[in-house]
Amino acid sequence: MPPSGFNEKAIRGLLQFVEGCYEDLLVKLQTQPGKSVEQAIKEELADIRRALESFSIKA
């Protein structure tokens, strides 16, 4: 059973969002030689924060 306040559609949407973020992370690692996994993760998190802010969502 999903957490209170979340339904199956919300959970599936969250999983799709996380999958997209992971795919973006892999692209960064493949297209930017020499970038560490740690740096790529930090950049991906910054991208996510900017996206949330554009929707006025506090992260």
PDB file of N, CA and C in Angstrom:
ATOM      1  N   MET A   1       0.848  -1.181   0.000  1.00  0.00           N
ATOM      2  CA  MET A   1       0.000   0.000   0.000  1.00  0.00           C
ATOM      3  C   MET A   1       0.893   1.245   0.000  1.00  0.00           C
ATOM      4  N   PRO A   2       0.621   2.206  -0.886  1.00  0.00           N
ATOM      5  CA  PRO A   2       1.442   3.414  -0.931  1.00  0.00           C
ATOM      6  C   PRO A   2       1.261   4.260   0.322  1.00  0.00           C
ATOM      7  N   PRO A   3       2.222   5.140   0.573  1.00  0.00           N
ATOM      8  CA  PRO A   3       2.117   6.036   1.729  1.00  0.00           C
ATOM      9  C   PRO A   3       0.841   6.874   1.668  1.00  0.00           C
ATOM     10  N   SER A   4       0.372   7.317   2.808  1.00  0.00           N
ATOM     11  CA  SER A   4      -0.833   8.133   2.894  1.00  0.00           C
ATOM     12  C   SER A   4      -0.715   9.354   1.984  1.00  0.00           C
ATOM     13  N   GLY A   5      -1.765   9.626   1.240  1.00  0.00           N
ATOM     14  CA  GLY A   5      -1.776  10.791   0.367  1.00  0.00           C
ATOM     15  C   GLY A   5      -1.265  10.512  -1.038  1.00  0.00           C
ATOM     16  N   PHE A   6      -0.760   9.319  -1.264  1.00  0.00           N
ATOM     17  CA  PHE A   6      -0.262   8.956  -2.587  1.00  0.00           C
ATOM     18  C   PHE A   6      -1.101   7.820  -3.138  1.00  0.00           C
ATOM     19  N   ASN A   7      -1.445   7.923  -4.394  1.00  0.00           N
ATOM     20  CA  ASN A   7      -2.156   6.822  -5.030  1.00  0.00           C
ATOM     21  C   ASN A   7      -1.233   6.171  -6.055  1.00  0.00           C
ATOM     22  N   GLU A   8      -1.705   5.144  -6.690  1.00  0.00           N
ATOM     23  CA  GLU A   8      -0.874   4.403  -7.641  1.00  0.00           C
ATOM     24  C   GLU A   8      -0.382   5.301  -8.772  1.00  0.00           C
ATOM     25  N   LYS A   9      -1.241   6.188  -9.266  1.00  0.00           N
ATOM     26  CA  LYS A   9      -0.852   7.092 -10.355  1.00  0.00           C
ATOM     27  C   LYS A   9       0.300   7.994  -9.919  1.00  0.00           C
ATOM     28  N   ALA A  10       0.245   8.516  -8.692  1.00  0.00           N
ATOM     29  CA  ALA A  10       1.309   9.384  -8.180  1.00  0.00           C
ATOM     30  C   ALA A  10       2.619   8.616  -8.048  1.00  0.00           C
ATOM     31  N   ILE A  11       2.548   7.399  -7.537  1.00  0.00           N
ATOM     32  CA  ILE A  11       3.751   6.583  -7.369  1.00  0.00           C
ATOM     33  C   ILE A  11       4.363   6.256  -8.725  1.00  0.00           C
ATOM     34  N   ARG A  12       3.525   5.896  -9.691  1.00  0.00           N
ATOM     35  CA  ARG A  12       4.046   5.603 -11.039  1.00  0.00           C
ATOM     36  C   ARG A  12       4.695   6.845 -11.656  1.00  0.00           C
ATOM     37  N   GLY A  13       4.096   8.009 -11.437  1.00  0.00           N
ATOM     38  CA  GLY A  13       4.674   9.253 -11.939  1.00  0.00           C
ATOM     39  C   GLY A  13       6.015   9.551 -11.300  1.00  0.00           C
ATOM     40  N   LEU A  14       6.106   9.317  -9.998  1.00  0.00           N
ATOM     41  CA  LEU A  14       7.372   9.525  -9.293  1.00  0.00           C
ATOM     42  C   LEU A  14       8.444   8.588  -9.833  1.00  0.00           C
ATOM     43  N   LEU A  15       8.088   7.332 -10.041  1.00  0.00           N
ATOM     44  CA  LEU A  15       9.057   6.375 -10.580  1.00  0.00           C
ATOM     45  C   LEU A  15       9.508   6.774 -11.982  1.00  0.00           C
ATOM     46  N   GLN A  16       8.589   7.286 -12.790  1.00  0.00           N
ATOM     47  CA  GLN A  16       8.942   7.743 -14.133  1.00  0.00           C
ATOM     48  C   GLN A  16       9.894   8.936 -14.051  1.00  0.00           C
ATOM     49  N   PHE A  17       9.640   9.848 -13.123  1.00  0.00           N
ATOM     50  CA  PHE A  17      10.508  11.006 -12.923  1.00  0.00           C
ATOM     51  C   PHE A  17      11.915  10.563 -12.519  1.00  0.00           C
ATOM     52  N   VAL A  18      12.001   9.656 -11.562  1.00  0.00           N
ATOM     53  CA  VAL A  18      13.300   9.172 -11.091  1.00  0.00           C
ATOM     54  C   VAL A  18      14.041   8.460 -12.224  1.00  0.00           C
ATOM     55  N   GLU A  19      13.316   7.676 -13.002  1.00  0.00           N
ATOM     56  CA  GLU A  19      13.936   6.986 -14.135  1.00  0.00           C
ATOM     57  C   GLU A  19      14.513   7.996 -15.132  1.00  0.00           C
ATOM     58  N   GLY A  20      13.776   9.059 -15.414  1.00  0.00           N
ATOM     59  CA  GLY A  20      14.264  10.097 -16.321  1.00  0.00           C
ATOM     60  C   GLY A  20      15.509  10.780 -15.787  1.00  0.00           C
ATOM     61  N   CYS A  21      15.535  11.039 -14.486  1.00  0.00           N
ATOM     62  CA  CYS A  21      16.713  11.660 -13.871  1.00  0.00           C
ATOM     63  C   CYS A  21      17.920  10.740 -13.981  1.00  0.00           C
ATOM     64  N   TYR A  22      17.704   9.451 -13.762  1.00  0.00           N
ATOM     65  CA  TYR A  22      18.788   8.472 -13.862  1.00  0.00           C
ATOM     66  C   TYR A  22      19.311   8.414 -15.298  1.00  0.00           C
ATOM     67  N   GLU A  23      18.408   8.438 -16.270  1.00  0.00           N
ATOM     68  CA  GLU A  23      18.827   8.419 -17.675  1.00  0.00           C
ATOM     69  C   GLU A  23      19.652   9.659 -18.005  1.00  0.00           C
ATOM     70  N   ASP A  24      19.232  10.822 -17.510  1.00  0.00           N
ATOM     71  CA  ASP A  24      20.006  12.055 -17.723  1.00  0.00           C
ATOM     72  C   ASP A  24      21.396  11.943 -17.108  1.00  0.00           C
ATOM     73  N   LEU A  25      21.473  11.346 -15.925  1.00  0.00           N
ATOM     74  CA  LEU A  25      22.757  11.151 -15.252  1.00  0.00           C
ATOM     75  C   LEU A  25      23.674  10.279 -16.101  1.00  0.00           C
ATOM     76  N   LEU A  26      23.137   9.194 -16.646  1.00  0.00           N
ATOM     77  CA  LEU A  26      23.948   8.314 -17.487  1.00  0.00           C
ATOM     78  C   LEU A  26      24.454   9.042 -18.726  1.00  0.00           C
ATOM     79  N   VAL A  27      23.611   9.874 -19.327  1.00  0.00           N
ATOM     80  CA  VAL A  27      24.021  10.644 -20.504  1.00  0.00           C
ATOM     81  C   VAL A  27      25.168  11.581 -20.140  1.00  0.00           C
ATOM     82  N   LYS A  28      25.071  12.258 -18.996  1.00  0.00           N
ATOM     83  CA  LYS A  28      26.151  13.153 -18.568  1.00  0.00           C
ATOM     84  C   LYS A  28      27.458  12.388 -18.420  1.00  0.00           C
ATOM     85  N   LEU A  29      27.385  11.213 -17.836  1.00  0.00           N
ATOM     86  CA  LEU A  29      28.606  10.433 -17.624  1.00  0.00           C
ATOM     87  C   LEU A  29      29.197   9.944 -18.946  1.00  0.00           C
ATOM     88  N   GLN A  30      28.340   9.635 -19.913  1.00  0.00           N
ATOM     89  CA  GLN A  30      28.808   9.126 -21.200  1.00  0.00           C
ATOM     90  C   GLN A  30      29.322  10.229 -22.115  1.00  0.00           C
ATOM     91  N   THR A  31      28.780  11.432 -21.995  1.00  0.00           N
ATOM     92  CA  THR A  31      29.120  12.497 -22.941  1.00  0.00           C
ATOM     93  C   THR A  31      30.131  13.499 -22.404  1.00  0.00           C
ATOM     94  N   GLN A  32      30.460  13.388 -21.131  1.00  0.00           N
ATOM     95  CA  GLN A  32      31.417  14.317 -20.535  1.00  0.00           C
ATOM     96  C   GLN A  32      32.560  13.523 -19.907  1.00  0.00           C
ATOM     97  N   PRO A  33      33.525  13.106 -20.733  1.00  0.00           N
ATOM     98  CA  PRO A  33      34.634  12.292 -20.234  1.00  0.00           C
ATOM     99  C   PRO A  33      35.356  12.969 -19.072  1.00  0.00           C
ATOM    100  N   GLY A  34      35.769  12.180 -18.120  1.00  0.00           N
ATOM    101  CA  GLY A  34      36.511  12.699 -16.991  1.00  0.00           C
ATOM    102  C   GLY A  34      35.633  13.185 -15.847  1.00  0.00           C
ATOM    103  N   LYS A  35      34.331  13.260 -16.080  1.00  0.00           N
ATOM    104  CA  LYS A  35      33.425  13.701 -15.013  1.00  0.00           C
ATOM    105  C   LYS A  35      33.232  12.546 -14.040  1.00  0.00           C
ATOM    106  N   SER A  36      33.383  12.845 -12.760  1.00  0.00           N
ATOM    107  CA  SER A  36      33.196  11.804 -11.748  1.00  0.00           C
ATOM    108  C   SER A  36      31.706  11.548 -11.542  1.00  0.00           C
ATOM    109  N   VAL A  37      31.396  10.367 -11.046  1.00  0.00           N
ATOM    110  CA  VAL A  37      30.012  10.029 -10.741  1.00  0.00           C
ATOM    111  C   VAL A  37      29.469  11.018  -9.709  1.00  0.00           C
ATOM    112  N   GLU A  38      30.290  11.336  -8.711  1.00  0.00           N
ATOM    113  CA  GLU A  38      29.863  12.271  -7.667  1.00  0.00           C
ATOM    114  C   GLU A  38      29.500  13.631  -8.259  1.00  0.00           C
ATOM    115  N   GLN A  39      30.332  14.156  -9.155  1.00  0.00           N
ATOM    116  CA  GLN A  39      30.063  15.461  -9.767  1.00  0.00           C
ATOM    117  C   GLN A  39      28.812  15.400 -10.635  1.00  0.00           C
ATOM    118  N   ALA A  40      28.656  14.323 -11.391  1.00  0.00           N
ATOM    119  CA  ALA A  40      27.472  14.189 -12.237  1.00  0.00           C
ATOM    120  C   ALA A  40      26.205  14.135 -11.393  1.00  0.00           C
ATOM    121  N   ILE A  41      26.254  13.442 -10.258  1.00  0.00           N
ATOM    122  CA  ILE A  41      25.094  13.372  -9.363  1.00  0.00           C
ATOM    123  C   ILE A  41      24.781  14.754  -8.803  1.00  0.00           C
ATOM    124  N   LYS A  42      25.813  15.484  -8.382  1.00  0.00           N
ATOM    125  CA  LYS A  42      25.598  16.836  -7.853  1.00  0.00           C
ATOM    126  C   LYS A  42      24.944  17.733  -8.901  1.00  0.00           C
ATOM    127  N   GLU A  43      25.401  17.636 -10.140  1.00  0.00           N
ATOM    128  CA  GLU A  43      24.823  18.450 -11.212  1.00  0.00           C
ATOM    129  C   GLU A  43      23.375  18.048 -11.485  1.00  0.00           C
ATOM    130  N   GLU A  44      23.107  16.752 -11.458  1.00  0.00           N
ATOM    131  CA  GLU A  44      21.744  16.277 -11.696  1.00  0.00           C
ATOM    132  C   GLU A  44      20.806  16.770 -10.592  1.00  0.00           C
ATOM    133  N   LEU A  45      21.269  16.723  -9.344  1.00  0.00           N
ATOM    134  CA  LEU A  45      20.457  17.229  -8.236  1.00  0.00           C
ATOM    135  C   LEU A  45      20.197  18.728  -8.383  1.00  0.00           C
ATOM    136  N   ALA A  46      21.202  19.468  -8.832  1.00  0.00           N
ATOM    137  CA  ALA A  46      21.020  20.907  -9.062  1.00  0.00           C
ATOM    138  C   ALA A  46      19.991  21.140 -10.169  1.00  0.00           C
ATOM    139  N   ASP A  47      20.045  20.322 -11.221  1.00  0.00           N
ATOM    140  CA  ASP A  47      19.060  20.430 -12.304  1.00  0.00           C
ATOM    141  C   ASP A  47      17.648  20.175 -11.777  1.00  0.00           C
ATOM    142  N   ILE A  48      17.512  19.165 -10.918  1.00  0.00           N
ATOM    143  CA  ILE A  48      16.205  18.836 -10.347  1.00  0.00           C
ATOM    144  C   ILE A  48      15.700  19.992  -9.489  1.00  0.00           C
ATOM    145  N   ARG A  49      16.587  20.562  -8.678  1.00  0.00           N
ATOM    146  CA  ARG A  49      16.184  21.696  -7.833  1.00  0.00           C
ATOM    147  C   ARG A  49      15.703  22.870  -8.687  1.00  0.00           C
ATOM    148  N   ARG A  50      16.435  23.161  -9.775  1.00  0.00           N
ATOM    149  CA  ARG A  50      16.024  24.258 -10.660  1.00  0.00           C
ATOM    150  C   ARG A  50      14.657  23.966 -11.278  1.00  0.00           C
ATOM    151  N   ALA A  51      14.433  22.725 -11.673  1.00  0.00           N
ATOM    152  CA  ALA A  51      13.141  22.360 -12.261  1.00  0.00           C
ATOM    153  C   ALA A  51      12.020  22.536 -11.241  1.00  0.00           C
ATOM    154  N   LEU A  52      12.257  22.095 -10.013  1.00  0.00           N
ATOM    155  CA  LEU A  52      11.241  22.244  -8.968  1.00  0.00           C
ATOM    156  C   LEU A  52      10.960  23.715  -8.684  1.00  0.00           C
ATOM    157  N   GLU A  53      12.017  24.532  -8.647  1.00  0.00           N
ATOM    158  CA  GLU A  53      11.839  25.963  -8.399  1.00  0.00           C
ATOM    159  C   GLU A  53      11.031  26.620  -9.512  1.00  0.00           C
ATOM    160  N   SER A  54      11.200  26.143 -10.738  1.00  0.00           N
ATOM    161  CA  SER A  54      10.444  26.723 -11.848  1.00  0.00           C
ATOM    162  C   SER A  54       8.946  26.456 -11.693  1.00  0.00           C
ATOM    163  N   PHE A  55       8.605  25.425 -10.915  1.00  0.00           N
ATOM    164  CA  PHE A  55       7.205  25.120 -10.610  1.00  0.00           C
ATOM    165  C   PHE A  55       6.812  25.639  -9.232  1.00  0.00           C
ATOM    166  N   SER A  56       7.669  26.465  -8.638  1.00  0.00           N
ATOM    167  CA  SER A  56       7.446  27.032  -7.299  1.00  0.00           C
ATOM    168  C   SER A  56       7.300  25.953  -6.231  1.00  0.00           C
ATOM    169  N   ILE A  57       8.118  24.899  -6.345  1.00  0.00           N
ATOM    170  CA  ILE A  57       8.132  23.816  -5.362  1.00  0.00           C
ATOM    171  C   ILE A  57       9.422  23.940  -4.573  1.00  0.00           C
ATOM    172  N   LYS A  58       9.325  24.087  -3.273  1.00  0.00           N
ATOM    173  CA  LYS A  58      10.507  24.199  -2.409  1.00  0.00           C
ATOM    174  C   LYS A  58      11.150  22.828  -2.259  1.00  0.00           C
ATOM    175  N   ALA A  59      12.485  22.786  -2.425  1.00  0.00           N
ATOM    176  CA  ALA A  59      13.201  21.510  -2.271  1.00  0.00           C
ATOM    177  C   ALA A  59      14.182  21.605  -1.134  1.00  0.00           C
TER     178      ALA A  59
END
